[in-house]
Protein backbone atom coordinates (compact mmCIF):
# COMPACT_ATOMS: atom_id res chain seq x y z
CA MET A 1 2.17 34.09 -3.81
CA THR A 2 -0.13 32.11 -1.66
CA ILE A 3 0.94 31.12 1.79
CA PHE A 4 0.20 27.80 1.95
CA THR A 5 -1.99 26.45 4.54
CA PRO A 6 -2.18 22.62 5.54
CA PRO A 7 -5.63 20.66 6.27
CA THR A 8 -7.14 20.58 9.89
CA ARG A 9 -9.38 18.05 11.41
CA GLY A 10 -12.42 20.01 10.33
CA ASP A 11 -15.32 17.80 11.41
CA ALA A 12 -13.62 14.54 11.31
CA PRO A 13 -13.74 12.43 14.55
CA ILE A 14 -11.59 13.09 17.07
CA ARG A 15 -8.39 11.22 17.80
CA PHE A 16 -6.64 12.50 20.53
CA ALA A 17 -8.45 13.23 23.77
CA PRO A 18 -7.72 12.22 27.84
CA GLU A 19 -10.94 9.75 27.55
CA ILE A 20 -9.51 7.94 24.54
CA PRO A 21 -6.79 5.19 25.84
CA ASN A 22 -3.30 4.69 24.16
CA THR A 23 -3.72 1.33 22.78
CA PRO A 24 -6.43 -1.10 22.37
CA GLY A 25 -3.94 -3.74 22.37
CA LYS A 26 -2.16 -6.17 24.46
CA SER A 27 1.32 -8.07 24.48
CA GLU A 28 0.95 -11.15 22.05
CA VAL A 29 3.49 -13.82 20.39
CA ILE A 30 3.92 -14.35 16.42
CA PRO A 31 5.34 -17.45 15.02
CA ALA A 32 8.63 -17.00 12.90
CA ASN A 33 7.26 -19.33 10.09
CA TRP A 34 4.37 -16.53 9.66
CA TYR A 35 7.50 -14.87 7.45
CA THR A 36 10.13 -17.42 6.92
CA ASP A 37 7.73 -20.18 5.29
CA PRO A 38 7.51 -20.24 1.39
CA GLU A 39 4.09 -22.35 1.33
CA ARG A 40 2.55 -20.21 3.62
CA PHE A 41 3.60 -17.25 1.33
CA GLU A 42 1.36 -19.12 -1.31
CA LEU A 43 -1.56 -19.09 0.75
CA GLU A 44 -1.06 -14.99 1.26
CA ARG A 45 -0.94 -15.06 -2.35
CA LYS A 46 -4.03 -16.81 -3.12
CA TYR A 47 -6.27 -15.62 -0.37
CA VAL A 48 -4.65 -12.16 0.70
CA LEU A 49 -3.26 -10.32 -1.77
CA ASN A 50 -4.57 -11.26 -4.89
CA ASN A 51 -8.17 -10.92 -3.82
CA ASN A 52 -8.09 -7.29 -1.54
CA TRP A 53 -7.82 -3.73 -2.71
CA GLN A 54 -4.13 -2.91 -3.30
CA ILE A 55 -2.43 0.30 -4.29
CA LEU A 56 -0.69 0.01 -7.81
CA CYS A 57 0.07 3.87 -9.05
CA ARG A 58 -1.08 7.22 -9.25
CA SER A 59 -3.81 8.67 -11.11
CA GLU A 60 -1.37 11.27 -12.39
CA GLU A 61 0.27 8.40 -14.28
CA LEU A 62 -2.65 7.99 -16.43
CA LYS A 63 -3.38 11.63 -17.53
CA ASN A 64 -4.52 10.77 -21.06
CA THR A 65 -6.58 7.99 -23.11
CA GLY A 66 -3.93 4.89 -23.82
CA ASP A 67 -1.75 6.10 -21.00
CA HIS A 68 -0.66 2.70 -19.02
CA VAL A 69 1.23 1.45 -16.22
CA VAL A 70 2.88 -1.96 -15.90
CA TRP A 71 2.73 -3.07 -12.64
CA GLU A 72 4.24 -6.76 -11.57
CA GLY A 73 4.08 -8.19 -7.67
CA HIS A 74 3.98 -11.31 -5.66
CA GLY A 75 3.90 -13.29 -9.44
CA GLU A 76 1.61 -11.25 -11.06
CA THR A 77 1.59 -8.80 -13.83
CA VAL A 78 -1.11 -6.51 -14.82
CA VAL A 79 -1.91 -3.37 -17.46
CA ILE A 80 -3.67 -0.36 -15.91
CA THR A 81 -4.97 1.87 -18.76
CA ARG A 82 -6.78 5.26 -18.75
CA LYS A 83 -9.93 4.78 -21.20
CA ASN A 84 -11.72 7.09 -23.95
CA ASP A 85 -14.41 7.63 -21.11
CA GLY A 86 -11.51 8.88 -18.71
CA SER A 87 -12.47 5.64 -16.41
CA VAL A 88 -9.21 3.21 -15.44
CA THR A 89 -9.30 -0.20 -16.28
CA GLY A 90 -6.97 -3.48 -15.93
CA PHE A 91 -6.38 -7.08 -17.16
CA HIS A 92 -3.80 -9.89 -16.49
CA ASN A 93 -1.00 -9.32 -18.59
CA VAL A 94 -0.65 -12.26 -20.08
CA CYS A 95 -1.14 -13.62 -23.64
CA GLN A 96 -4.20 -15.90 -24.49
CA HIS A 97 -1.89 -17.94 -27.11
CA ARG A 98 0.99 -19.00 -25.43
CA GLY A 99 1.09 -17.19 -21.86
CA ALA A 100 4.10 -14.63 -22.92
CA ARG A 101 3.84 -11.14 -21.16
CA ILE A 102 1.97 -8.77 -23.64
CA VAL A 103 3.55 -5.32 -22.40
CA ARG A 104 7.00 -5.17 -21.08
CA ASP A 105 6.81 -1.19 -20.08
CA SER A 106 4.67 1.39 -18.70
CA GLY A 107 3.79 4.46 -21.55
CA GLU A 108 1.54 7.01 -22.94
CA CYS A 109 -1.00 7.30 -25.66
CA ALA A 110 -1.31 3.56 -26.72
CA ARG A 111 -4.52 2.57 -29.07
CA ARG A 112 -4.16 -1.25 -28.19
CA PHE A 113 -1.53 -3.46 -27.22
CA LYS A 114 0.21 -6.30 -29.07
CA CYS A 115 2.32 -9.05 -27.76
CA PRO A 116 5.53 -9.02 -30.03
CA TRP A 117 5.98 -13.09 -29.95
CA HIS A 118 3.06 -13.23 -32.34
CA ASP A 119 1.35 -9.67 -33.02
CA TRP A 120 -1.74 -10.94 -31.18
CA ALA A 121 -3.86 -7.29 -30.19
CA TYR A 122 -5.15 -6.62 -27.09
CA ASP A 123 -7.61 -3.70 -26.46
CA PHE A 124 -7.69 -1.62 -23.28
CA ASP A 125 -9.92 -4.35 -21.30
CA GLY A 126 -7.70 -7.19 -22.54
CA LYS A 127 -10.31 -8.52 -25.25
CA VAL A 128 -8.35 -9.84 -27.98
CA ILE A 129 -9.15 -7.70 -30.94
CA GLY A 130 -6.37 -9.17 -33.50
CA VAL A 131 -5.20 -12.67 -34.63
CA PRO A 132 -2.68 -13.28 -37.30
CA ASP A 133 -3.87 -16.14 -39.51
CA ARG A 134 -6.85 -16.30 -37.67
CA GLU A 135 -8.21 -18.94 -39.72
CA ASP A 136 -6.08 -21.62 -38.69
CA PHE A 137 -7.67 -21.19 -35.05
CA ASP A 138 -10.30 -22.81 -33.60
CA PRO A 139 -13.33 -20.05 -33.69
CA GLU A 140 -14.64 -21.23 -31.02
CA VAL A 141 -11.80 -20.80 -28.63
CA LEU A 142 -11.54 -17.19 -30.29
CA ARG A 143 -14.75 -15.92 -29.55
CA ASP A 144 -14.79 -13.37 -26.76
CA LEU A 145 -11.42 -14.11 -25.73
CA ALA A 146 -9.51 -11.84 -23.21
CA ALA A 147 -7.19 -11.58 -20.87
CA PRO A 148 -8.77 -11.96 -17.12
CA LYS A 149 -9.90 -8.72 -15.70
CA VAL A 150 -8.48 -6.70 -12.78
CA GLU A 151 -11.10 -4.56 -10.93
CA VAL A 152 -9.85 -1.32 -11.06
CA ALA A 153 -11.25 2.05 -9.07
CA GLU A 154 -9.80 5.42 -7.83
CA TRP A 155 -9.99 7.39 -4.43
CA GLY A 156 -7.50 9.86 -2.95
CA GLY A 157 -6.07 10.41 -6.50
CA TRP A 158 -4.42 6.86 -6.50
CA VAL A 159 -5.13 3.61 -8.77
CA TRP A 160 -6.47 0.77 -6.55
CA ALA A 161 -7.00 -2.88 -8.09
CA VAL A 162 -8.18 -6.28 -6.89
CA LEU A 163 -6.12 -8.55 -9.00
CA ALA A 164 -8.63 -11.37 -8.51
CA GLY A 165 -11.05 -9.45 -10.28
CA PRO A 166 -14.85 -8.20 -10.34
CA GLY A 167 -16.84 -9.03 -7.39
CA VAL A 168 -14.37 -10.66 -4.81
CA ALA A 169 -13.94 -7.74 -2.82
CA PRO A 170 -16.35 -5.23 -1.38
CA PRO A 171 -16.46 -2.21 -3.28
CA LEU A 172 -13.57 0.25 -2.94
CA VAL A 173 -14.81 2.81 -0.37
CA GLU A 174 -16.75 0.23 1.50
CA TYR A 175 -13.99 -1.91 2.20
CA LEU A 176 -11.37 1.49 3.43
CA GLY A 177 -14.41 1.77 5.66
CA GLU A 178 -16.16 5.07 7.03
CA GLU A 179 -13.25 5.89 9.49
CA ILE A 180 -9.97 5.83 6.78
CA VAL A 181 -12.59 7.80 4.01
CA ALA A 182 -13.39 10.46 6.68
CA ASP A 183 -9.73 10.61 8.21
CA LEU A 184 -7.22 9.94 5.67
CA GLY A 185 -9.75 11.57 2.91
CA ALA A 186 -8.78 14.63 5.02
CA TYR A 187 -5.89 15.39 3.36
CA GLN A 188 -7.06 15.59 0.01
CA MET A 189 -4.16 13.53 -1.82
CA GLN A 190 -6.00 13.68 -5.05
CA ASP A 191 -4.81 17.46 -4.78
CA MET A 192 -1.31 16.68 -4.08
CA TYR A 193 1.44 15.27 -6.45
CA LEU A 194 4.34 12.67 -6.70
CA ARG A 195 7.25 14.46 -5.76
CA GLU A 196 9.41 11.40 -5.66
CA LYS A 197 9.31 7.94 -5.76
CA VAL A 198 12.36 5.66 -4.32
CA THR A 199 12.12 1.77 -4.43
CA TRP A 200 14.60 -0.52 -2.86
CA ASP A 201 14.87 -4.40 -3.27
CA VAL A 202 15.27 -6.13 0.22
CA ASP A 203 15.86 -9.62 1.07
CA VAL A 204 12.92 -9.66 3.62
CA ASN A 205 9.56 -11.01 3.71
CA TRP A 206 7.15 -8.29 2.81
CA LYS A 207 5.45 -8.43 6.37
CA VAL A 208 8.27 -7.30 8.22
CA VAL A 209 8.03 -4.09 5.95
CA VAL A 210 4.88 -3.58 6.83
CA ASP A 211 5.61 -4.38 10.23
CA ALA A 212 8.36 -1.82 10.44
CA PHE A 213 5.88 1.44 10.13
CA ASN A 214 3.54 0.05 12.80
CA GLU A 215 5.33 0.82 15.97
CA PHE A 216 6.67 4.01 17.71
CA TYR A 217 8.74 1.67 19.85
CA HIS A 218 11.86 1.51 17.65
CA ALA A 219 12.51 5.63 17.47
CA GLN A 220 14.78 5.64 20.19
CA ALA A 221 16.94 3.28 19.62
CA LEU A 222 17.18 3.06 15.65
CA HIS A 223 16.50 6.71 15.05
CA HIS A 224 17.96 8.16 18.28
CA LEU A 225 15.01 10.41 19.22
CA PRO A 226 15.83 12.90 22.47
CA PRO A 227 14.17 11.38 25.59
CA GLN A 228 11.77 14.21 25.70
CA ASP A 229 10.37 13.08 22.11
CA VAL A 230 10.16 9.62 23.32
CA LYS A 231 8.18 10.47 26.27
CA ASP A 232 5.75 12.56 24.36
CA GLY A 233 5.47 9.73 21.50
CA ARG A 234 4.14 7.54 24.48
CA GLU A 235 1.10 9.71 24.21
CA MET A 236 0.15 8.07 20.80
CA ARG A 237 -3.24 7.21 20.07
CA ILE A 238 -4.00 3.34 18.33
CA PHE A 239 -7.05 2.78 16.23
CA GLU A 240 -8.08 -1.06 15.13
CA PHE A 241 -10.98 -1.02 12.80
CA GLU A 242 -12.32 -3.67 11.07
CA ARG A 243 -9.45 -4.62 8.34
CA HIS A 244 -7.19 -1.25 8.63
CA SER A 245 -5.76 0.66 11.66
CA MET A 246 -4.48 4.16 12.48
CA MET A 247 -2.16 5.58 15.09
CA VAL A 248 -1.33 9.27 15.56
CA VAL A 249 2.12 10.00 17.34
CA PRO A 250 2.44 13.97 18.64
CA LEU A 251 5.06 16.03 16.29
CA LYS A 252 8.08 16.85 18.25
CA GLY A 253 7.46 19.55 20.92
CA THR A 254 3.36 19.97 19.97
CA LEU A 255 2.12 17.79 22.86
CA GLU A 256 0.12 20.37 24.89
CA ARG A 257 -0.95 22.38 21.59
CA LEU A 258 -2.50 18.82 20.48
CA GLN A 259 -4.12 17.86 23.87
CA GLU A 260 -5.82 21.26 24.00
CA SER A 261 -6.90 21.61 20.26
CA GLN A 262 -7.07 17.93 19.38
CA ASP A 263 -6.32 18.72 16.23
CA HIS A 264 -4.29 15.84 15.09
CA GLN A 265 -3.95 16.32 11.24
CA SER A 266 -2.11 19.59 12.06
CA LEU A 267 -0.04 18.74 15.07
CA ALA A 268 0.77 14.85 14.59
CA ILE A 269 2.37 12.37 12.47
CA CYS A 270 -0.77 10.07 11.41
CA HIS A 271 -0.22 6.54 10.23
CA TYR A 272 -2.72 4.63 8.25
CA THR A 273 -2.33 1.32 7.61
CA ILE A 274 -4.60 0.04 5.07
CA PHE A 275 -4.77 -4.02 4.54
CA PRO A 276 -2.76 -5.87 3.30
CA THR A 277 0.44 -3.51 1.86
CA SER A 278 0.31 -0.18 2.36
CA VAL A 279 0.99 2.40 5.23
CA PHE A 280 0.76 6.14 4.99
CA ASN A 281 2.78 8.20 7.19
CA ASN A 282 1.16 11.48 6.71
CA ASN A 283 2.84 14.82 8.25
CA PRO A 284 0.75 17.62 8.41
CA GLU A 285 2.51 19.22 5.21
CA HIS A 286 3.69 16.39 3.06
CA LEU A 287 2.95 12.63 2.88
CA GLN A 288 4.83 9.06 2.45
CA LEU A 289 3.13 5.87 1.21
CA PHE A 290 5.09 3.37 2.65
CA ARG A 291 4.10 0.14 0.19
CA ALA A 292 5.65 -3.11 0.50
CA VAL A 293 5.49 -5.10 -2.96
CA PRO A 294 6.06 -8.98 -2.26
CA ILE A 295 8.51 -10.65 -4.51
CA THR A 296 9.11 -14.10 -3.29
CA HIS A 297 8.78 -15.00 0.68
CA ASN A 298 11.87 -13.58 1.36
CA LYS A 299 11.88 -10.72 -1.07
CA THR A 300 10.26 -7.73 -1.20
CA ARG A 301 10.37 -4.07 -3.53
CA PHE A 302 9.84 -1.56 -0.98
CA GLU A 303 8.56 1.77 -2.31
CA THR A 304 8.24 4.87 -0.77
CA TRP A 305 5.84 7.47 -2.85
CA GLU A 306 6.82 11.47 -1.19
CA LEU A 307 3.14 13.56 -1.60
CA TRP A 308 3.51 16.94 -1.70
CA TYR A 309 0.86 20.00 -2.11
CA LYS A 310 0.40 22.29 -5.08
CA THR A 311 1.55 25.72 -4.24
CA ASP A 312 3.63 28.26 -5.29
CA ASP A 313 4.79 29.00 -1.69
CA GLN A 314 8.73 28.94 -1.67
CA ASP A 315 8.82 28.78 2.27
CA TYR A 316 6.81 25.77 2.15
CA LEU A 317 8.47 24.01 -0.88
CA ASP A 318 12.56 24.49 0.55
CA ARG A 319 11.02 23.26 3.99
CA THR A 320 9.18 20.73 2.56
CA GLN A 321 12.35 19.39 0.75
CA ARG A 322 14.40 19.55 4.13
CA HIS A 323 12.41 17.69 5.97
CA TRP A 324 11.60 14.88 3.17
CA ASP A 325 15.57 14.78 2.81
CA HIS A 326 15.81 14.21 6.24
CA LEU A 327 13.27 11.29 6.47
CA LYS A 328 14.99 9.71 3.56
CA ILE A 329 17.97 9.14 5.59
CA VAL A 330 15.56 7.70 8.87
CA VAL A 331 13.64 5.56 6.14
CA GLY A 332 17.24 4.33 5.36
CA GLU A 333 18.04 3.35 8.86
CA ASP A 334 14.80 1.27 8.66
CA ILE A 335 16.09 -0.72 5.58
CA TRP A 336 19.46 -1.13 7.39
CA THR A 337 18.02 -3.09 10.45
CA TRP A 338 16.12 -5.07 7.87
CA GLU A 339 19.76 -6.79 7.09
CA ASP A 340 19.94 -8.16 10.53
CA ILE A 341 16.43 -9.51 10.38
CA ALA A 342 17.31 -11.12 6.65
CA ALA A 343 20.55 -12.81 8.68
CA THR A 344 18.32 -14.86 11.25
CA SER A 345 15.62 -15.73 8.64
CA ARG A 346 17.07 -19.34 8.37
CA SER A 347 18.69 -19.66 12.31
CA SER A 348 17.11 -22.91 13.93
CA TYR A 349 16.78 -20.37 17.02
CA TYR A 350 14.41 -17.87 15.50
CA LYS A 351 11.05 -19.22 16.74
CA ARG A 352 9.06 -16.04 17.36
CA ASN A 353 8.24 -12.16 17.61
CA PHE A 354 6.94 -10.79 20.80
CA PHE A 355 5.19 -7.91 20.95
CA ASN A 356 4.41 -5.52 23.75
CA ASP A 357 1.10 -3.47 24.15
CA ARG A 358 2.39 -0.31 22.02
CA GLU A 359 3.35 -2.92 18.93
CA CYS A 360 -0.32 -4.11 18.93
CA LYS A 361 -1.12 -2.77 15.13
CA ILE A 362 1.19 -5.87 14.27
CA PRO A 363 -0.29 -9.01 15.55
CA ALA A 364 -4.12 -7.49 14.80
CA PHE A 365 -2.30 -7.16 10.66
CA HIS A 366 -0.94 -10.95 11.32
CA HIS A 367 -4.28 -12.15 12.72
CA GLN A 368 -6.26 -10.58 9.89
CA ILE A 369 -3.93 -12.45 7.36
CA GLN A 370 -4.11 -16.10 9.30
CA ARG A 371 -8.29 -15.20 9.31
CA LEU A 372 -8.34 -14.99 5.66
CA ILE A 373 -6.08 -18.00 4.93
CA ASP A 374 -8.12 -20.25 7.10
CA GLU A 375 -11.51 -18.82 5.72
CA GLY A 376 -10.33 -19.23 2.25
CA ILE A 377 -8.88 -23.16 3.31
CA ALA A 378 -12.44 -23.84 4.54
CA ARG A 379 -14.04 -22.59 1.40
CA ASP A 380 -11.94 -24.27 -0.95
CA LEU A 381 -12.75 -27.75 1.34
CA ALA A 382 -16.41 -26.88 1.04
CA GLY A 383 -16.20 -26.84 -2.61
CA ASN A 384 -17.21 -22.87 -2.62
């Protein structure tokens, strides 16, 4: 048996030092209708959700040629497949005959995909390769006919996609940026495996879910943290990058050692918010992906993905299971309070959200969404 050793900071940038301020932000107000307006949700679908990289599944779910995942969210349905050459491809799961869903369920070892309504067949890239009674159709319409493509890439053991298609967003590594690639990449997620995935359907806007994992302020009241842990947690460091953000929170009882070693990977919980829908909650020995899948303006599929390192160290496996069992209770507390948010979402007196300095990641996230909406509307008005 090999004793498990967690990753360390290595040569990644220093994130915890006296000269680094706690927060770059300031107190801000966000209007309530950014969460509650169904028309705004449609703008978010068009200009934010479809146009940016999102995580759809783990690479390990697509081990072999023909293995495929059907992903559905914010009104879209797509098929992601492992090809013969080992690459991953994707297309919108919409039959080009009469608009039915082509593939209903994820599966393994497919050779092609066939719409069950009229047996139209598609290859892994979404190209139409089989049409019953082809002679009855206009050949010009059938020529090169294919379902719209989804841009797909892999990084960190995850499959990412831009639903609006190739060329809409920067290449994935460029989109993530040097800071995220170096810091989040240090955890070597491609060497981890999916231990468990837990899913909840919640009656709140998708941004409520993202907000919930972007501040430490709620921990004392909601999660009943002891006063010393709350005091140490206020020594957090927050970083805002071009699209994404990061928060480093000292682990229980580690503040003094963290100040000395500056090894945030080993001695802190590191939160990485990957715009627009993902938050990584990285403990030194295992991590969670908190993933908001928007359904409507007031319904969200909330996914928690639990990743472990591959080892036969039984002590690691036992203590990680205990911690994961505890974290599921903690996440349940977050979900519980969303019921109270849902209860006020139509109130005439819910006007705004007011964030403090240490909640600054949240308004920064919302301003990024608003900027993309404004830019998208301006492009459309200009005819671009």
